[in-house]
PDB file of N, CA and C in Angstrom:
ATOM      1  N   MET A   1      18.403   3.930  -8.930  1.00  0.00           N
ATOM      2  CA  MET A   1      17.081   3.346  -9.019  1.00  0.00           C
ATOM      3  C   MET A   1      16.955   2.159  -8.066  1.00  0.00           C
ATOM      4  N   THR A   2      17.946   1.283  -8.057  1.00  0.00           N
ATOM      5  CA  THR A   2      17.907   0.119  -7.177  1.00  0.00           C
ATOM      6  C   THR A   2      17.907   0.555  -5.717  1.00  0.00           C
ATOM      7  N   ASP A   3      18.699   1.560  -5.394  1.00  0.00           N
ATOM      8  CA  ASP A   3      18.782   2.064  -4.029  1.00  0.00           C
ATOM      9  C   ASP A   3      17.438   2.649  -3.585  1.00  0.00           C
ATOM     10  N   ARG A   4      16.800   3.424  -4.464  1.00  0.00           N
ATOM     11  CA  ARG A   4      15.485   4.004  -4.170  1.00  0.00           C
ATOM     12  C   ARG A   4      14.470   2.903  -3.914  1.00  0.00           C
ATOM     13  N   TYR A   5      14.461   1.898  -4.760  1.00  0.00           N
ATOM     14  CA  TYR A   5      13.530   0.775  -4.641  1.00  0.00           C
ATOM     15  C   TYR A   5      13.729   0.063  -3.299  1.00  0.00           C
ATOM     16  N   GLN A   6      14.969  -0.203  -2.952  1.00  0.00           N
ATOM     17  CA  GLN A   6      15.282  -0.901  -1.700  1.00  0.00           C
ATOM     18  C   GLN A   6      14.868  -0.079  -0.485  1.00  0.00           C
ATOM     19  N   ARG A   7      15.160   1.222  -0.516  1.00  0.00           N
ATOM     20  CA  ARG A   7      14.785   2.092   0.608  1.00  0.00           C
ATOM     21  C   ARG A   7      13.275   2.169   0.776  1.00  0.00           C
ATOM     22  N   MET A   8      12.569   2.274  -0.336  1.00  0.00           N
ATOM     23  CA  MET A   8      11.102   2.321  -0.281  1.00  0.00           C
ATOM     24  C   MET A   8      10.554   1.018   0.280  1.00  0.00           C
ATOM     25  N   ALA A   9      11.049  -0.107  -0.203  1.00  0.00           N
ATOM     26  CA  ALA A   9      10.585  -1.408   0.275  1.00  0.00           C
ATOM     27  C   ALA A   9      10.836  -1.537   1.778  1.00  0.00           C
ATOM     28  N   GLU A  10      12.013  -1.155   2.218  1.00  0.00           N
ATOM     29  CA  GLU A  10      12.342  -1.236   3.650  1.00  0.00           C
ATOM     30  C   GLU A  10      11.435  -0.338   4.483  1.00  0.00           C
ATOM     31  N   ALA A  11      11.140   0.857   3.992  1.00  0.00           N
ATOM     32  CA  ALA A  11      10.271   1.784   4.727  1.00  0.00           C
ATOM     33  C   ALA A  11       8.851   1.225   4.849  1.00  0.00           C
ATOM     34  N   ILE A  12       8.355   0.627   3.779  1.00  0.00           N
ATOM     35  CA  ILE A  12       7.006   0.064   3.818  1.00  0.00           C
ATOM     36  C   ILE A  12       6.966  -1.167   4.722  1.00  0.00           C
ATOM     37  N   VAL A  13       7.979  -2.023   4.629  1.00  0.00           N
ATOM     38  CA  VAL A  13       8.056  -3.197   5.506  1.00  0.00           C
ATOM     39  C   VAL A  13       8.084  -2.734   6.964  1.00  0.00           C
ATOM     40  N   ASP A  14       8.875  -1.724   7.266  1.00  0.00           N
ATOM     41  CA  ASP A  14       8.953  -1.193   8.628  1.00  0.00           C
ATOM     42  C   ASP A  14       7.591  -0.675   9.084  1.00  0.00           C
ATOM     43  N   PHE A  15       6.891   0.028   8.210  1.00  0.00           N
ATOM     44  CA  PHE A  15       5.557   0.544   8.528  1.00  0.00           C
ATOM     45  C   PHE A  15       4.604  -0.600   8.874  1.00  0.00           C
ATOM     46  N   VAL A  16       4.593  -1.642   8.048  1.00  0.00           N
ATOM     47  CA  VAL A  16       3.705  -2.785   8.272  1.00  0.00           C
ATOM     48  C   VAL A  16       4.084  -3.502   9.567  1.00  0.00           C
ATOM     49  N   GLN A  17       5.357  -3.722   9.781  1.00  0.00           N
ATOM     50  CA  GLN A  17       5.792  -4.414  10.996  1.00  0.00           C
ATOM     51  C   GLN A  17       5.487  -3.596  12.246  1.00  0.00           C
ATOM     52  N   THR A  18       5.660  -2.296  12.183  1.00  0.00           N
ATOM     53  CA  THR A  18       5.346  -1.431  13.321  1.00  0.00           C
ATOM     54  C   THR A  18       3.847  -1.465  13.611  1.00  0.00           C
ATOM     55  N   GLY A  19       3.032  -1.361  12.572  1.00  0.00           N
ATOM     56  CA  GLY A  19       1.582  -1.437  12.751  1.00  0.00           C
ATOM     57  C   GLY A  19       1.145  -2.772  13.320  1.00  0.00           C
ATOM     58  N   THR A  20       1.815  -3.834  12.913  1.00  0.00           N
ATOM     59  CA  THR A  20       1.513  -5.167  13.431  1.00  0.00           C
ATOM     60  C   THR A  20       1.894  -5.265  14.909  1.00  0.00           C
ATOM     61  N   ALA A  21       3.069  -4.775  15.250  1.00  0.00           N
ATOM     62  CA  ALA A  21       3.538  -4.811  16.642  1.00  0.00           C
ATOM     63  C   ALA A  21       2.631  -3.988  17.558  1.00  0.00           C
ATOM     64  N   ARG A  22       2.084  -2.918  17.026  1.00  0.00           N
ATOM     65  CA  ARG A  22       1.183  -2.058  17.814  1.00  0.00           C
ATOM     66  C   ARG A  22      -0.256  -2.586  17.819  1.00  0.00           C
ATOM     67  N   MET A  23      -0.456  -3.726  17.170  1.00  0.00           N
ATOM     68  CA  MET A  23      -1.784  -4.343  17.064  1.00  0.00           C
ATOM     69  C   MET A  23      -2.769  -3.444  16.298  1.00  0.00           C
ATOM     70  N   GLU A  24      -2.235  -2.640  15.374  1.00  0.00           N
ATOM     71  CA  GLU A  24      -3.067  -1.775  14.532  1.00  0.00           C
ATOM     72  C   GLU A  24      -3.346  -2.434  13.186  1.00  0.00           C
ATOM     73  N   LEU A  25      -2.504  -3.376  12.795  1.00  0.00           N
ATOM     74  CA  LEU A  25      -2.656  -4.096  11.528  1.00  0.00           C
ATOM     75  C   LEU A  25      -2.575  -5.595  11.799  1.00  0.00           C
ATOM     76  N   GLN A  26      -3.301  -6.351  10.980  1.00  0.00           N
ATOM     77  CA  GLN A  26      -3.237  -7.807  11.032  1.00  0.00           C
ATOM     78  C   GLN A  26      -3.050  -8.302   9.593  1.00  0.00           C
ATOM     79  N   PRO A  27      -1.854  -8.109   9.035  1.00  0.00           N
ATOM     80  CA  PRO A  27      -1.641  -8.409   7.615  1.00  0.00           C
ATOM     81  C   PRO A  27      -1.891  -9.872   7.276  1.00  0.00           C
ATOM     82  N   ARG A  28      -2.485 -10.070   6.093  1.00  0.00           N
ATOM     83  CA  ARG A  28      -2.766 -11.412   5.585  1.00  0.00           C
ATOM     84  C   ARG A  28      -1.604 -11.979   4.796  1.00  0.00           C
ATOM     85  N   LEU A  29      -0.693 -11.106   4.399  1.00  0.00           N
ATOM     86  CA  LEU A  29       0.454 -11.483   3.570  1.00  0.00           C
ATOM     87  C   LEU A  29       1.724 -10.972   4.234  1.00  0.00           C
ATOM     88  N   PRO A  30       2.882 -11.534   3.851  1.00  0.00           N
ATOM     89  CA  PRO A  30       4.145 -11.024   4.401  1.00  0.00           C
ATOM     90  C   PRO A  30       4.353  -9.538   4.077  1.00  0.00           C
ATOM     91  N   ALA A  31       4.937  -8.825   5.022  1.00  0.00           N
ATOM     92  CA  ALA A  31       5.172  -7.387   4.851  1.00  0.00           C
ATOM     93  C   ALA A  31       5.967  -7.090   3.585  1.00  0.00           C
ATOM     94  N   GLU A  32       6.958  -7.911   3.283  1.00  0.00           N
ATOM     95  CA  GLU A  32       7.767  -7.668   2.086  1.00  0.00           C
ATOM     96  C   GLU A  32       6.932  -7.802   0.809  1.00  0.00           C
ATOM     97  N   SER A  33       6.034  -8.766   0.763  1.00  0.00           N
ATOM     98  CA  SER A  33       5.181  -8.938  -0.413  1.00  0.00           C
ATOM     99  C   SER A  33       4.270  -7.727  -0.607  1.00  0.00           C
ATOM    100  N   ILE A  34       3.731  -7.226   0.489  1.00  0.00           N
ATOM    101  CA  ILE A  34       2.872  -6.042   0.422  1.00  0.00           C
ATOM    102  C   ILE A  34       3.683  -4.847  -0.077  1.00  0.00           C
ATOM    103  N   ALA A  35       4.890  -4.694   0.432  1.00  0.00           N
ATOM    104  CA  ALA A  35       5.747  -3.572   0.036  1.00  0.00           C
ATOM    105  C   ALA A  35       6.057  -3.609  -1.461  1.00  0.00           C
ATOM    106  N   LEU A  36       6.448  -4.770  -1.956  1.00  0.00           N
ATOM    107  CA  LEU A  36       6.805  -4.879  -3.384  1.00  0.00           C
ATOM    108  C   LEU A  36       5.581  -4.662  -4.269  1.00  0.00           C
ATOM    109  N   TYR A  37       4.430  -5.162  -3.849  1.00  0.00           N
ATOM    110  CA  TYR A  37       3.184  -4.932  -4.588  1.00  0.00           C
ATOM    111  C   TYR A  37       2.888  -3.436  -4.682  1.00  0.00           C
ATOM    112  N   LEU A  38       2.971  -2.749  -3.550  1.00  0.00           N
ATOM    113  CA  LEU A  38       2.657  -1.325  -3.525  1.00  0.00           C
ATOM    114  C   LEU A  38       3.587  -0.525  -4.427  1.00  0.00           C
ATOM    115  N   ILE A  39       4.868  -0.816  -4.358  1.00  0.00           N
ATOM    116  CA  ILE A  39       5.832  -0.110  -5.211  1.00  0.00           C
ATOM    117  C   ILE A  39       5.548  -0.385  -6.688  1.00  0.00           C
ATOM    118  N   SER A  40       5.310  -1.633  -7.038  1.00  0.00           N
ATOM    119  CA  SER A  40       5.036  -1.984  -8.435  1.00  0.00           C
ATOM    120  C   SER A  40       3.766  -1.324  -8.935  1.00  0.00           C
ATOM    121  N   PHE A  41       2.727  -1.311  -8.102  1.00  0.00           N
ATOM    122  CA  PHE A  41       1.468  -0.683  -8.492  1.00  0.00           C
ATOM    123  C   PHE A  41       1.675   0.803  -8.770  1.00  0.00           C
ATOM    124  N   ILE A  42       2.293   1.502  -7.831  1.00  0.00           N
ATOM    125  CA  ILE A  42       2.468   2.948  -7.982  1.00  0.00           C
ATOM    126  C   ILE A  42       3.368   3.270  -9.171  1.00  0.00           C
ATOM    127  N   ASP A  43       4.483   2.547  -9.303  1.00  0.00           N
ATOM    128  CA  ASP A  43       5.375   2.790 -10.440  1.00  0.00           C
ATOM    129  C   ASP A  43       4.663   2.539 -11.765  1.00  0.00           C
ATOM    130  N   GLY A  44       3.912   1.456 -11.831  1.00  0.00           N
ATOM    131  CA  GLY A  44       3.183   1.133 -13.056  1.00  0.00           C
ATOM    132  C   GLY A  44       2.128   2.170 -13.392  1.00  0.00           C
ATOM    133  N   LEU A  45       1.398   2.601 -12.390  1.00  0.00           N
ATOM    134  CA  LEU A  45       0.362   3.614 -12.615  1.00  0.00           C
ATOM    135  C   LEU A  45       0.984   4.934 -13.068  1.00  0.00           C
ATOM    136  N   MET A  46       2.114   5.308 -12.456  1.00  0.00           N
ATOM    137  CA  MET A  46       2.783   6.549 -12.865  1.00  0.00           C
ATOM    138  C   MET A  46       3.252   6.470 -14.310  1.00  0.00           C
ATOM    139  N   LEU A  47       3.872   5.353 -14.687  1.00  0.00           N
ATOM    140  CA  LEU A  47       4.361   5.211 -16.065  1.00  0.00           C
ATOM    141  C   LEU A  47       3.215   5.211 -17.070  1.00  0.00           C
ATOM    142  N   ASP A  48       2.178   4.451 -16.792  1.00  0.00           N
ATOM    143  CA  ASP A  48       1.033   4.404 -17.701  1.00  0.00           C
ATOM    144  C   ASP A  48       0.371   5.771 -17.827  1.00  0.00           C
ATOM    145  N   THR A  49       0.226   6.459 -16.698  1.00  0.00           N
ATOM    146  CA  THR A  49      -0.420   7.770 -16.722  1.00  0.00           C
ATOM    147  C   THR A  49       0.426   8.784 -17.481  1.00  0.00           C
ATOM    148  N   PHE A  50       1.740   8.701 -17.329  1.00  0.00           N
ATOM    149  CA  PHE A  50       2.633   9.589 -18.069  1.00  0.00           C
ATOM    150  C   PHE A  50       2.479   9.366 -19.570  1.00  0.00           C
ATOM    151  N   GLN A  51       2.398   8.111 -19.985  1.00  0.00           N
ATOM    152  CA  GLN A  51       2.311   7.785 -21.407  1.00  0.00           C
ATOM    153  C   GLN A  51       0.911   7.976 -21.985  1.00  0.00           C
ATOM    154  N   LEU A  52      -0.113   7.626 -21.209  1.00  0.00           N
ATOM    155  CA  LEU A  52      -1.476   7.592 -21.755  1.00  0.00           C
ATOM    156  C   LEU A  52      -2.387   8.704 -21.255  1.00  0.00           C
ATOM    157  N   GLY A  53      -2.039   9.309 -20.130  1.00  0.00           N
ATOM    158  CA  GLY A  53      -2.873  10.357 -19.550  1.00  0.00           C
ATOM    159  C   GLY A  53      -3.809   9.800 -18.487  1.00  0.00           C
ATOM    160  N   PRO A  54      -4.197  10.660 -17.536  1.00  0.00           N
ATOM    161  CA  PRO A  54      -5.018  10.214 -16.405  1.00  0.00           C
ATOM    162  C   PRO A  54      -6.428   9.754 -16.785  1.00  0.00           C
ATOM    163  N   GLU A  55      -6.973  10.292 -17.878  1.00  0.00           N
ATOM    164  CA  GLU A  55      -8.318   9.867 -18.293  1.00  0.00           C
ATOM    165  C   GLU A  55      -8.292   8.425 -18.779  1.00  0.00           C
ATOM    166  N   LYS A  56      -7.283   8.088 -19.553  1.00  0.00           N
ATOM    167  CA  LYS A  56      -7.163   6.740 -20.113  1.00  0.00           C
ATOM    168  C   LYS A  56      -6.863   5.706 -19.028  1.00  0.00           C
ATOM    169  N   THR A  57      -6.018   6.060 -18.078  1.00  0.00           N
ATOM    170  CA  THR A  57      -5.646   5.108 -17.028  1.00  0.00           C
ATOM    171  C   THR A  57      -6.632   5.131 -15.862  1.00  0.00           C
ATOM    172  N   ARG A  58      -7.556   6.072 -15.872  1.00  0.00           N
ATOM    173  CA  ARG A  58      -8.579   6.169 -14.820  1.00  0.00           C
ATOM    174  C   ARG A  58      -7.938   6.146 -13.426  1.00  0.00           C
ATOM    175  N   VAL A  59      -7.086   7.117 -13.211  1.00  0.00           N
ATOM    176  CA  VAL A  59      -6.292   7.190 -11.989  1.00  0.00           C
ATOM    177  C   VAL A  59      -7.160   7.121 -10.733  1.00  0.00           C
ATOM    178  N   SER A  60      -8.227   7.874 -10.694  1.00  0.00           N
ATOM    179  CA  SER A  60      -9.070   7.906  -9.504  1.00  0.00           C
ATOM    180  C   SER A  60      -9.626   6.513  -9.184  1.00  0.00           C
ATOM    181  N   ALA A  61     -10.108   5.811 -10.185  1.00  0.00           N
ATOM    182  CA  ALA A  61     -10.637   4.456  -9.982  1.00  0.00           C
ATOM    183  C   ALA A  61      -9.526   3.503  -9.567  1.00  0.00           C
ATOM    184  N   GLN A  62      -8.342   3.676 -10.144  1.00  0.00           N
ATOM    185  CA  GLN A  62      -7.205   2.824  -9.791  1.00  0.00           C
ATOM    186  C   GLN A  62      -6.809   3.027  -8.321  1.00  0.00           C
ATOM    187  N   ILE A  63      -6.845   4.258  -7.865  1.00  0.00           N
ATOM    188  CA  ILE A  63      -6.509   4.547  -6.470  1.00  0.00           C
ATOM    189  C   ILE A  63      -7.547   3.911  -5.546  1.00  0.00           C
ATOM    190  N   ASP A  64      -8.823   3.948  -5.946  1.00  0.00           N
ATOM    191  CA  ASP A  64      -9.856   3.271  -5.152  1.00  0.00           C
ATOM    192  C   ASP A  64      -9.562   1.779  -5.033  1.00  0.00           C
ATOM    193  N   VAL A  65      -9.149   1.164  -6.125  1.00  0.00           N
ATOM    194  CA  VAL A  65      -8.807  -0.264  -6.112  1.00  0.00           C
ATOM    195  C   VAL A  65      -7.586  -0.511  -5.222  1.00  0.00           C
ATOM    196  N   LEU A  66      -6.602   0.369  -5.316  1.00  0.00           N
ATOM    197  CA  LEU A  66      -5.409   0.238  -4.469  1.00  0.00           C
ATOM    198  C   LEU A  66      -5.783   0.293  -2.995  1.00  0.00           C
ATOM    199  N   LEU A  67      -6.596   1.271  -2.615  1.00  0.00           N
ATOM    200  CA  LEU A  67      -6.990   1.402  -1.217  1.00  0.00           C
ATOM    201  C   LEU A  67      -7.774   0.183  -0.740  1.00  0.00           C
ATOM    202  N   PHE A  68      -8.655  -0.319  -1.595  1.00  0.00           N
ATOM    203  CA  PHE A  68      -9.414  -1.526  -1.256  1.00  0.00           C
ATOM    204  C   PHE A  68      -8.474  -2.709  -1.037  1.00  0.00           C
ATOM    205  N   SER A  69      -7.548  -2.900  -1.968  1.00  0.00           N
ATOM    206  CA  SER A  69      -6.652  -4.053  -1.859  1.00  0.00           C
ATOM    207  C   SER A  69      -5.712  -3.931  -0.654  1.00  0.00           C
ATOM    208  N   LEU A  70      -5.248  -2.723  -0.353  1.00  0.00           N
ATOM    209  CA  LEU A  70      -4.400  -2.532   0.826  1.00  0.00           C
ATOM    210  C   LEU A  70      -5.170  -2.833   2.113  1.00  0.00           C
ATOM    211  N   LYS A  71      -6.419  -2.400   2.155  1.00  0.00           N
ATOM    212  CA  LYS A  71      -7.236  -2.687   3.339  1.00  0.00           C
ATOM    213  C   LYS A  71      -7.409  -4.192   3.506  1.00  0.00           C
ATOM    214  N   GLU A  72      -7.627  -4.908   2.415  1.00  0.00           N
ATOM    215  CA  GLU A  72      -7.780  -6.360   2.472  1.00  0.00           C
ATOM    216  C   GLU A  72      -6.466  -7.055   2.856  1.00  0.00           C
ATOM    217  N   MET A  73      -5.350  -6.531   2.411  1.00  0.00           N
ATOM    218  CA  MET A  73      -4.054  -7.142   2.732  1.00  0.00           C
ATOM    219  C   MET A  73      -3.602  -6.825   4.147  1.00  0.00           C
ATOM    220  N   LEU A  74      -3.837  -5.581   4.584  1.00  0.00           N
ATOM    221  CA  LEU A  74      -3.320  -5.131   5.876  1.00  0.00           C
ATOM    222  C   LEU A  74      -4.274  -5.385   7.039  1.00  0.00           C
ATOM    223  N   CYS A  75      -5.554  -5.491   6.750  1.00  0.00           N
ATOM    224  CA  CYS A  75      -6.583  -5.717   7.776  1.00  0.00           C
ATOM    225  C   CYS A  75      -6.396  -4.785   8.975  1.00  0.00           C
ATOM    226  N   PRO A  76      -6.583  -3.474   8.758  1.00  0.00           N
ATOM    227  CA  PRO A  76      -6.430  -2.555   9.889  1.00  0.00           C
ATOM    228  C   PRO A  76      -7.463  -2.865  10.974  1.00  0.00           C
ATOM    229  N   VAL A  77      -7.037  -2.746  12.220  1.00  0.00           N
ATOM    230  CA  VAL A  77      -7.911  -2.990  13.353  1.00  0.00           C
ATOM    231  C   VAL A  77      -8.775  -1.746  13.540  1.00  0.00           C
ATOM    232  N   GLU A  78     -10.076  -1.960  13.553  1.00  0.00           N
ATOM    233  CA  GLU A  78     -11.007  -0.840  13.722  1.00  0.00           C
ATOM    234  C   GLU A  78     -10.969  -0.365  15.158  1.00  0.00           C
ATOM    235  N   GLU A  79     -10.919   0.942  15.330  1.00  0.00           N
ATOM    236  CA  GLU A  79     -10.952   1.513  16.677  1.00  0.00           C
ATOM    237  C   GLU A  79     -12.364   1.420  17.210  1.00  0.00           C
ATOM    238  N   THR A  80     -12.469   1.050  18.453  1.00  0.00           N
ATOM    239  CA  THR A  80     -13.773   1.035  19.096  1.00  0.00           C
ATOM    240  C   THR A  80     -13.879   2.258  19.978  1.00  0.00           C
ATOM    241  N   ALA A  81     -15.048   2.837  20.002  1.00  0.00           N
ATOM    242  CA  ALA A  81     -15.268   4.027  20.830  1.00  0.00           C
ATOM    243  C   ALA A  81     -15.240   3.625  22.298  1.00  0.00           C
ATOM    244  N   SER A  82     -14.522   4.412  23.086  1.00  0.00           N
ATOM    245  CA  SER A  82     -14.489   4.111  24.512  1.00  0.00           C
ATOM    246  C   SER A  82     -15.749   4.663  25.172  1.00  0.00           C
ATOM    247  N   PRO A  83     -16.260   3.907  26.114  1.00  0.00           N
ATOM    248  CA  PRO A  83     -17.489   4.380  26.792  1.00  0.00           C
ATOM    249  C   PRO A  83     -17.231   5.675  27.548  1.00  0.00           C
ATOM    250  N   SER A  84     -18.197   6.562  27.491  1.00  0.00           N
ATOM    251  CA  SER A  84     -18.034   7.853  28.168  1.00  0.00           C
ATOM    252  C   SER A  84     -18.555   7.801  29.565  1.00  0.00           C
TER     253      SER A  84
END
């Protein structure tokens, strides 16, 4: 379990750092904090949904909140259309 957690955190940190280096992301928070938040959110949602069911945990609404919060944390750079 600890190994899985560490590997996931490292993969997410690498993703954020790569996106930042490519000027695709402008994170507002440290990459490690974002990674740990994402893992905790997903693990918590999975456990709650397993115990209570998707209707009770409102999985779809929770995913919308997750996507919103990730966008706010990561600040993806919007692509601009190149002139034709």
